[in-house]
Amino acid sequence: MNEGDIAEPLRGGTGSAQILSFPAAQKQVSFNRTELQAILNLYGRKVAEGEWRDYAIDFLADKAVFSIYRRTSEVPLYRIEKDPKLARKQGAYSVVVSSGLILKRGPELDRVLNVLDKKLKVVS
């Protein structure tokens, strides 16, 4: 049995007990409700403008990733990542372009998402 496994007795028909071990539940990083709401609000606006068409969400052991696509068959245009290990250093949230360049990183999701939500300016 490994550390973190859960032992559970199994009763056989002969009256003897066997021990089975199950791996402990895998922990994964995910977006909470308010984070996902902020991301989906931005995504909805960009879909309405015709810029984005598809998305994927990946919950991994070390980070959560929201990938944004222009077309389904392409590589993602942007990845919004949440990496809790970087929370005290550079901020848990980052926006990454398809080439791997980090556009913005920080501790507050709303401020990081502003890099994707450029407002039009009136030029006179």
N, C-alpha and C. Protein backbone atom coordinates (compact mmCIF):
# COMPACT_ATOMS: atom_id res chain seq x y z
N MET A 1 0.83 -1.17 0.00
CA MET A 1 0.00 0.00 0.00
C MET A 1 0.88 1.24 0.00
N ASN A 2 0.54 2.22 -0.83
CA ASN A 2 1.31 3.46 -0.92
C ASN A 2 0.74 4.51 0.02
N GLU A 3 1.54 5.53 0.29
CA GLU A 3 1.07 6.64 1.11
C GLU A 3 -0.03 7.37 0.36
N GLY A 4 -1.13 7.66 1.00
CA GLY A 4 -2.25 8.34 0.36
C GLY A 4 -3.31 7.38 -0.12
N ASP A 5 -3.01 6.06 -0.13
CA ASP A 5 -4.02 5.10 -0.53
C ASP A 5 -5.03 4.91 0.59
N ILE A 6 -6.20 4.51 0.21
CA ILE A 6 -7.26 4.27 1.18
C ILE A 6 -7.46 2.77 1.28
N ALA A 7 -7.35 2.24 2.48
CA ALA A 7 -7.53 0.81 2.68
C ALA A 7 -8.97 0.53 3.06
N GLU A 8 -9.52 -0.52 2.47
CA GLU A 8 -10.89 -0.88 2.76
C GLU A 8 -10.97 -2.40 2.88
N PRO A 9 -11.53 -2.90 3.97
CA PRO A 9 -11.61 -4.35 4.11
C PRO A 9 -12.65 -4.93 3.15
N LEU A 10 -12.36 -6.10 2.65
CA LEU A 10 -13.27 -6.80 1.75
C LEU A 10 -13.61 -8.13 2.41
N ARG A 11 -14.85 -8.38 2.63
CA ARG A 11 -15.29 -9.61 3.27
C ARG A 11 -15.52 -10.68 2.21
N GLY A 12 -14.83 -11.77 2.34
CA GLY A 12 -15.00 -12.89 1.42
C GLY A 12 -16.06 -13.83 1.95
N GLY A 13 -16.42 -14.81 1.14
CA GLY A 13 -17.43 -15.78 1.53
C GLY A 13 -16.95 -16.73 2.60
N THR A 14 -15.63 -16.83 2.80
CA THR A 14 -15.08 -17.77 3.78
C THR A 14 -14.94 -17.18 5.17
N GLY A 15 -15.32 -15.94 5.35
CA GLY A 15 -15.20 -15.31 6.65
C GLY A 15 -13.90 -14.58 6.85
N SER A 16 -12.94 -14.72 5.94
CA SER A 16 -11.67 -14.02 6.08
C SER A 16 -11.77 -12.64 5.44
N ALA A 17 -10.99 -11.72 5.93
CA ALA A 17 -11.01 -10.35 5.40
C ALA A 17 -9.74 -10.10 4.60
N GLN A 18 -9.89 -9.50 3.43
CA GLN A 18 -8.76 -9.09 2.62
C GLN A 18 -8.72 -7.57 2.61
N ILE A 19 -7.55 -7.02 2.43
CA ILE A 19 -7.40 -5.57 2.35
C ILE A 19 -7.13 -5.17 0.90
N LEU A 20 -8.00 -4.31 0.35
CA LEU A 20 -7.79 -3.75 -0.97
C LEU A 20 -7.38 -2.30 -0.81
N SER A 21 -6.50 -1.85 -1.67
CA SER A 21 -6.11 -0.44 -1.59
C SER A 21 -6.58 0.29 -2.84
N PHE A 22 -7.11 1.47 -2.63
CA PHE A 22 -7.58 2.33 -3.71
C PHE A 22 -6.74 3.60 -3.70
N PRO A 23 -6.31 4.08 -4.87
CA PRO A 23 -5.56 5.33 -4.87
C PRO A 23 -6.41 6.46 -4.32
N ALA A 24 -5.78 7.36 -3.59
CA ALA A 24 -6.50 8.52 -3.05
C ALA A 24 -7.03 9.36 -4.20
N ALA A 25 -8.10 10.06 -3.94
CA ALA A 25 -8.71 10.90 -4.97
C ALA A 25 -7.68 11.89 -5.49
N GLN A 26 -7.58 11.97 -6.81
CA GLN A 26 -6.63 12.88 -7.42
C GLN A 26 -7.13 14.31 -7.26
N LYS A 27 -6.26 15.18 -6.80
CA LYS A 27 -6.61 16.58 -6.67
C LYS A 27 -6.34 17.26 -7.99
N GLN A 28 -7.19 18.20 -8.35
CA GLN A 28 -6.99 18.95 -9.58
C GLN A 28 -7.38 20.40 -9.34
N VAL A 29 -6.77 21.27 -10.10
CA VAL A 29 -7.05 22.70 -10.01
C VAL A 29 -8.23 23.00 -10.92
N SER A 30 -9.14 23.85 -10.47
CA SER A 30 -10.29 24.22 -11.29
C SER A 30 -10.64 25.68 -11.07
N PHE A 31 -11.44 26.21 -11.96
CA PHE A 31 -11.94 27.57 -11.82
C PHE A 31 -13.17 27.53 -10.92
N ASN A 32 -13.28 28.51 -10.01
CA ASN A 32 -14.49 28.56 -9.19
C ASN A 32 -15.60 29.27 -9.99
N ARG A 33 -16.76 29.37 -9.41
CA ARG A 33 -17.92 29.91 -10.12
C ARG A 33 -17.71 31.35 -10.59
N THR A 34 -17.16 32.21 -9.75
CA THR A 34 -16.99 33.62 -10.14
C THR A 34 -15.91 33.77 -11.22
N GLU A 35 -14.85 32.95 -11.14
CA GLU A 35 -13.82 33.00 -12.17
C GLU A 35 -14.38 32.55 -13.52
N LEU A 36 -15.12 31.45 -13.49
CA LEU A 36 -15.71 30.93 -14.72
C LEU A 36 -16.73 31.90 -15.30
N GLN A 37 -17.48 32.56 -14.43
CA GLN A 37 -18.46 33.56 -14.89
C GLN A 37 -17.77 34.72 -15.61
N ALA A 38 -16.68 35.21 -15.06
CA ALA A 38 -15.94 36.30 -15.70
C ALA A 38 -15.38 35.87 -17.06
N ILE A 39 -14.85 34.67 -17.13
CA ILE A 39 -14.29 34.17 -18.39
C ILE A 39 -15.40 33.98 -19.42
N LEU A 40 -16.52 33.38 -19.02
CA LEU A 40 -17.61 33.14 -19.96
C LEU A 40 -18.31 34.42 -20.39
N ASN A 41 -18.33 35.45 -19.55
CA ASN A 41 -18.88 36.75 -19.97
C ASN A 41 -18.04 37.33 -21.11
N LEU A 42 -16.72 37.30 -20.95
CA LEU A 42 -15.82 37.77 -22.00
C LEU A 42 -15.98 36.92 -23.25
N TYR A 43 -16.02 35.61 -23.08
CA TYR A 43 -16.15 34.70 -24.21
C TYR A 43 -17.46 34.97 -24.97
N GLY A 44 -18.55 35.17 -24.25
CA GLY A 44 -19.84 35.44 -24.88
C GLY A 44 -19.82 36.72 -25.72
N ARG A 45 -19.17 37.76 -25.19
CA ARG A 45 -19.07 39.02 -25.95
C ARG A 45 -18.27 38.82 -27.23
N LYS A 46 -17.18 38.08 -27.14
CA LYS A 46 -16.33 37.86 -28.32
C LYS A 46 -17.01 36.94 -29.35
N VAL A 47 -17.82 36.01 -28.90
CA VAL A 47 -18.58 35.17 -29.82
C VAL A 47 -19.62 36.02 -30.54
N ALA A 48 -20.29 36.91 -29.80
CA ALA A 48 -21.29 37.80 -30.41
C ALA A 48 -20.66 38.73 -31.44
N GLU A 49 -19.39 39.11 -31.23
CA GLU A 49 -18.68 39.96 -32.18
C GLU A 49 -18.12 39.15 -33.35
N GLY A 50 -18.20 37.84 -33.29
CA GLY A 50 -17.73 36.99 -34.37
C GLY A 50 -16.24 36.68 -34.34
N GLU A 51 -15.56 37.00 -33.25
CA GLU A 51 -14.11 36.78 -33.16
C GLU A 51 -13.75 35.35 -32.73
N TRP A 52 -14.51 34.80 -31.80
CA TRP A 52 -14.21 33.48 -31.27
C TRP A 52 -15.37 32.54 -31.56
N ARG A 53 -15.07 31.23 -31.65
CA ARG A 53 -16.12 30.28 -31.98
C ARG A 53 -16.20 29.08 -31.04
N ASP A 54 -15.12 28.71 -30.41
CA ASP A 54 -15.12 27.48 -29.62
C ASP A 54 -14.19 27.63 -28.42
N TYR A 55 -14.38 26.76 -27.43
CA TYR A 55 -13.50 26.76 -26.26
C TYR A 55 -13.36 25.35 -25.71
N ALA A 56 -12.37 25.18 -24.88
CA ALA A 56 -12.15 23.92 -24.16
C ALA A 56 -11.65 24.26 -22.76
N ILE A 57 -12.04 23.45 -21.81
CA ILE A 57 -11.59 23.63 -20.42
C ILE A 57 -10.87 22.36 -19.99
N ASP A 58 -9.68 22.53 -19.46
CA ASP A 58 -8.89 21.41 -18.95
C ASP A 58 -8.58 21.65 -17.48
N PHE A 59 -8.88 20.68 -16.65
CA PHE A 59 -8.55 20.74 -15.23
C PHE A 59 -7.44 19.72 -14.99
N LEU A 60 -6.24 20.21 -14.78
CA LEU A 60 -5.08 19.35 -14.57
C LEU A 60 -4.70 19.34 -13.10
N ALA A 61 -3.72 18.53 -12.77
CA ALA A 61 -3.28 18.44 -11.38
C ALA A 61 -2.62 19.72 -10.90
N ASP A 62 -1.92 20.42 -11.80
CA ASP A 62 -1.19 21.62 -11.38
C ASP A 62 -1.80 22.93 -11.85
N LYS A 63 -2.70 22.91 -12.85
CA LYS A 63 -3.31 24.15 -13.31
C LYS A 63 -4.61 23.87 -14.05
N ALA A 64 -5.43 24.92 -14.17
CA ALA A 64 -6.66 24.87 -14.96
C ALA A 64 -6.47 25.76 -16.17
N VAL A 65 -6.95 25.29 -17.33
CA VAL A 65 -6.74 26.01 -18.58
C VAL A 65 -8.06 26.16 -19.32
N PHE A 66 -8.37 27.40 -19.72
CA PHE A 66 -9.52 27.70 -20.57
C PHE A 66 -8.93 28.11 -21.92
N SER A 67 -9.09 27.27 -22.95
CA SER A 67 -8.53 27.53 -24.27
C SER A 67 -9.60 28.11 -25.18
N ILE A 68 -9.22 29.12 -25.97
CA ILE A 68 -10.15 29.82 -26.85
C ILE A 68 -9.71 29.61 -28.29
N TYR A 69 -10.67 29.22 -29.14
CA TYR A 69 -10.38 28.91 -30.54
C TYR A 69 -11.15 29.84 -31.48
N ARG A 70 -10.54 30.15 -32.60
CA ARG A 70 -11.25 30.85 -33.67
C ARG A 70 -12.04 29.84 -34.49
N ARG A 71 -11.43 28.71 -34.80
CA ARG A 71 -12.09 27.59 -35.46
C ARG A 71 -11.78 26.33 -34.66
N THR A 72 -12.65 25.37 -34.72
CA THR A 72 -12.50 24.18 -33.90
C THR A 72 -11.23 23.40 -34.21
N SER A 73 -10.81 23.37 -35.46
CA SER A 73 -9.70 22.52 -35.85
C SER A 73 -8.33 23.16 -35.63
N GLU A 74 -8.28 24.38 -35.16
CA GLU A 74 -7.01 25.08 -34.99
C GLU A 74 -6.43 24.88 -33.59
N VAL A 75 -5.21 25.40 -33.43
CA VAL A 75 -4.64 25.50 -32.09
C VAL A 75 -5.33 26.68 -31.40
N PRO A 76 -5.36 26.71 -30.07
CA PRO A 76 -6.07 27.81 -29.40
C PRO A 76 -5.39 29.16 -29.65
N LEU A 77 -6.23 30.19 -29.87
CA LEU A 77 -5.72 31.55 -30.00
C LEU A 77 -5.12 32.01 -28.68
N TYR A 78 -5.86 31.78 -27.62
CA TYR A 78 -5.46 32.21 -26.27
C TYR A 78 -5.73 31.08 -25.29
N ARG A 79 -4.95 31.07 -24.23
CA ARG A 79 -5.18 30.18 -23.09
C ARG A 79 -5.22 31.03 -21.84
N ILE A 80 -6.29 30.90 -21.08
CA ILE A 80 -6.39 31.56 -19.79
C ILE A 80 -6.05 30.48 -18.76
N GLU A 81 -4.96 30.70 -18.03
CA GLU A 81 -4.47 29.67 -17.12
C GLU A 81 -4.53 30.13 -15.67
N LYS A 82 -4.85 29.18 -14.82
CA LYS A 82 -4.83 29.41 -13.37
C LYS A 82 -3.83 28.41 -12.78
N ASP A 83 -2.74 28.94 -12.24
CA ASP A 83 -1.70 28.10 -11.66
C ASP A 83 -1.46 28.56 -10.22
N PRO A 84 -2.05 27.89 -9.24
CA PRO A 84 -1.94 28.32 -7.85
C PRO A 84 -0.51 28.37 -7.31
N LYS A 85 0.40 27.61 -7.90
CA LYS A 85 1.79 27.62 -7.43
C LYS A 85 2.45 28.98 -7.66
N LEU A 86 1.97 29.73 -8.64
CA LEU A 86 2.55 31.04 -8.95
C LEU A 86 1.83 32.18 -8.23
N ALA A 87 0.86 31.88 -7.40
CA ALA A 87 0.03 32.91 -6.77
C ALA A 87 0.86 33.90 -5.95
N ARG A 88 1.85 33.45 -5.22
CA ARG A 88 2.65 34.36 -4.38
C ARG A 88 3.77 35.04 -5.14
N LYS A 89 4.14 34.51 -6.29
CA LYS A 89 5.24 35.08 -7.05
C LYS A 89 4.75 36.10 -8.08
N GLN A 90 4.12 35.61 -9.15
CA GLN A 90 3.74 36.48 -10.25
C GLN A 90 2.24 36.62 -10.40
N GLY A 91 1.48 35.86 -9.67
CA GLY A 91 0.03 35.86 -9.79
C GLY A 91 -0.43 34.55 -10.40
N ALA A 92 -1.56 34.06 -9.94
CA ALA A 92 -2.05 32.75 -10.36
C ALA A 92 -2.61 32.74 -11.77
N TYR A 93 -3.02 33.90 -12.28
CA TYR A 93 -3.70 33.95 -13.57
C TYR A 93 -2.78 34.47 -14.66
N SER A 94 -2.94 33.91 -15.87
CA SER A 94 -2.17 34.41 -17.01
C SER A 94 -2.94 34.17 -18.29
N VAL A 95 -2.69 35.03 -19.28
CA VAL A 95 -3.23 34.88 -20.62
C VAL A 95 -2.04 34.61 -21.53
N VAL A 96 -2.11 33.48 -22.24
CA VAL A 96 -1.00 33.03 -23.07
C VAL A 96 -1.48 32.95 -24.52
N VAL A 97 -0.66 33.46 -25.46
CA VAL A 97 -0.97 33.40 -26.88
C VAL A 97 -0.55 32.04 -27.42
N SER A 98 -1.03 31.68 -28.62
CA SER A 98 -0.73 30.36 -29.19
C SER A 98 0.77 30.10 -29.36
N SER A 99 1.56 31.15 -29.51
CA SER A 99 3.01 30.98 -29.65
C SER A 99 3.71 30.71 -28.32
N GLY A 100 2.98 30.87 -27.20
CA GLY A 100 3.56 30.64 -25.88
C GLY A 100 3.91 31.92 -25.14
N LEU A 101 3.78 33.07 -25.81
CA LEU A 101 4.06 34.36 -25.19
C LEU A 101 2.99 34.69 -24.16
N ILE A 102 3.40 35.10 -22.98
CA ILE A 102 2.45 35.48 -21.93
C ILE A 102 2.11 36.95 -22.12
N LEU A 103 0.82 37.21 -22.42
CA LEU A 103 0.37 38.59 -22.63
C LEU A 103 0.27 39.35 -21.32
N LYS A 104 -0.30 38.69 -20.32
CA LYS A 104 -0.51 39.36 -19.03
C LYS A 104 -0.56 38.30 -17.95
N ARG A 105 -0.03 38.64 -16.79
CA ARG A 105 -0.06 37.74 -15.64
C ARG A 105 -0.34 38.59 -14.41
N GLY A 106 -1.11 38.04 -13.48
CA GLY A 106 -1.40 38.78 -12.27
C GLY A 106 -2.23 38.02 -11.28
N PRO A 107 -2.44 38.62 -10.10
CA PRO A 107 -3.20 37.96 -9.04
C PRO A 107 -4.72 38.12 -9.17
N GLU A 108 -5.19 39.05 -10.01
CA GLU A 108 -6.62 39.30 -10.16
C GLU A 108 -7.06 38.93 -11.57
N LEU A 109 -8.03 38.04 -11.68
CA LEU A 109 -8.48 37.55 -12.98
C LEU A 109 -9.05 38.67 -13.86
N ASP A 110 -9.86 39.55 -13.29
CA ASP A 110 -10.48 40.62 -14.07
C ASP A 110 -9.44 41.51 -14.75
N ARG A 111 -8.39 41.85 -14.03
CA ARG A 111 -7.34 42.70 -14.60
C ARG A 111 -6.56 41.97 -15.68
N VAL A 112 -6.38 40.67 -15.51
CA VAL A 112 -5.67 39.88 -16.51
C VAL A 112 -6.52 39.75 -17.78
N LEU A 113 -7.83 39.58 -17.62
CA LEU A 113 -8.72 39.43 -18.77
C LEU A 113 -8.86 40.72 -19.57
N ASN A 114 -8.55 41.86 -18.97
CA ASN A 114 -8.65 43.14 -19.69
C ASN A 114 -7.75 43.19 -20.92
N VAL A 115 -6.70 42.40 -20.95
CA VAL A 115 -5.81 42.39 -22.11
C VAL A 115 -6.54 41.83 -23.34
N LEU A 116 -7.54 40.99 -23.14
CA LEU A 116 -8.31 40.42 -24.24
C LEU A 116 -9.54 41.24 -24.59
N ASP A 117 -9.94 42.13 -23.71
CA ASP A 117 -11.17 42.89 -23.87
C ASP A 117 -10.86 44.35 -24.10
N LYS A 118 -10.16 44.64 -25.18
CA LYS A 118 -9.79 46.02 -25.49
C LYS A 118 -11.04 46.80 -25.90
N LYS A 119 -11.20 47.93 -25.29
CA LYS A 119 -12.33 48.81 -25.62
C LYS A 119 -11.94 49.66 -26.82
N LEU A 120 -12.91 49.90 -27.68
CA LEU A 120 -12.66 50.78 -28.82
C LEU A 120 -12.59 52.21 -28.35
N LYS A 121 -11.64 52.96 -28.89
CA LYS A 121 -11.49 54.36 -28.52
C LYS A 121 -11.94 55.23 -29.70
N VAL A 122 -12.63 56.29 -29.39
CA VAL A 122 -13.08 57.22 -30.41
C VAL A 122 -11.96 58.18 -30.72
N VAL A 123 -11.57 58.24 -31.99
CA VAL A 123 -10.51 59.14 -32.42
C VAL A 123 -11.16 60.29 -33.17
N SER A 124 -10.85 61.52 -32.75
CA SER A 124 -11.48 62.65 -33.44
C SER A 124 -10.46 63.51 -34.16
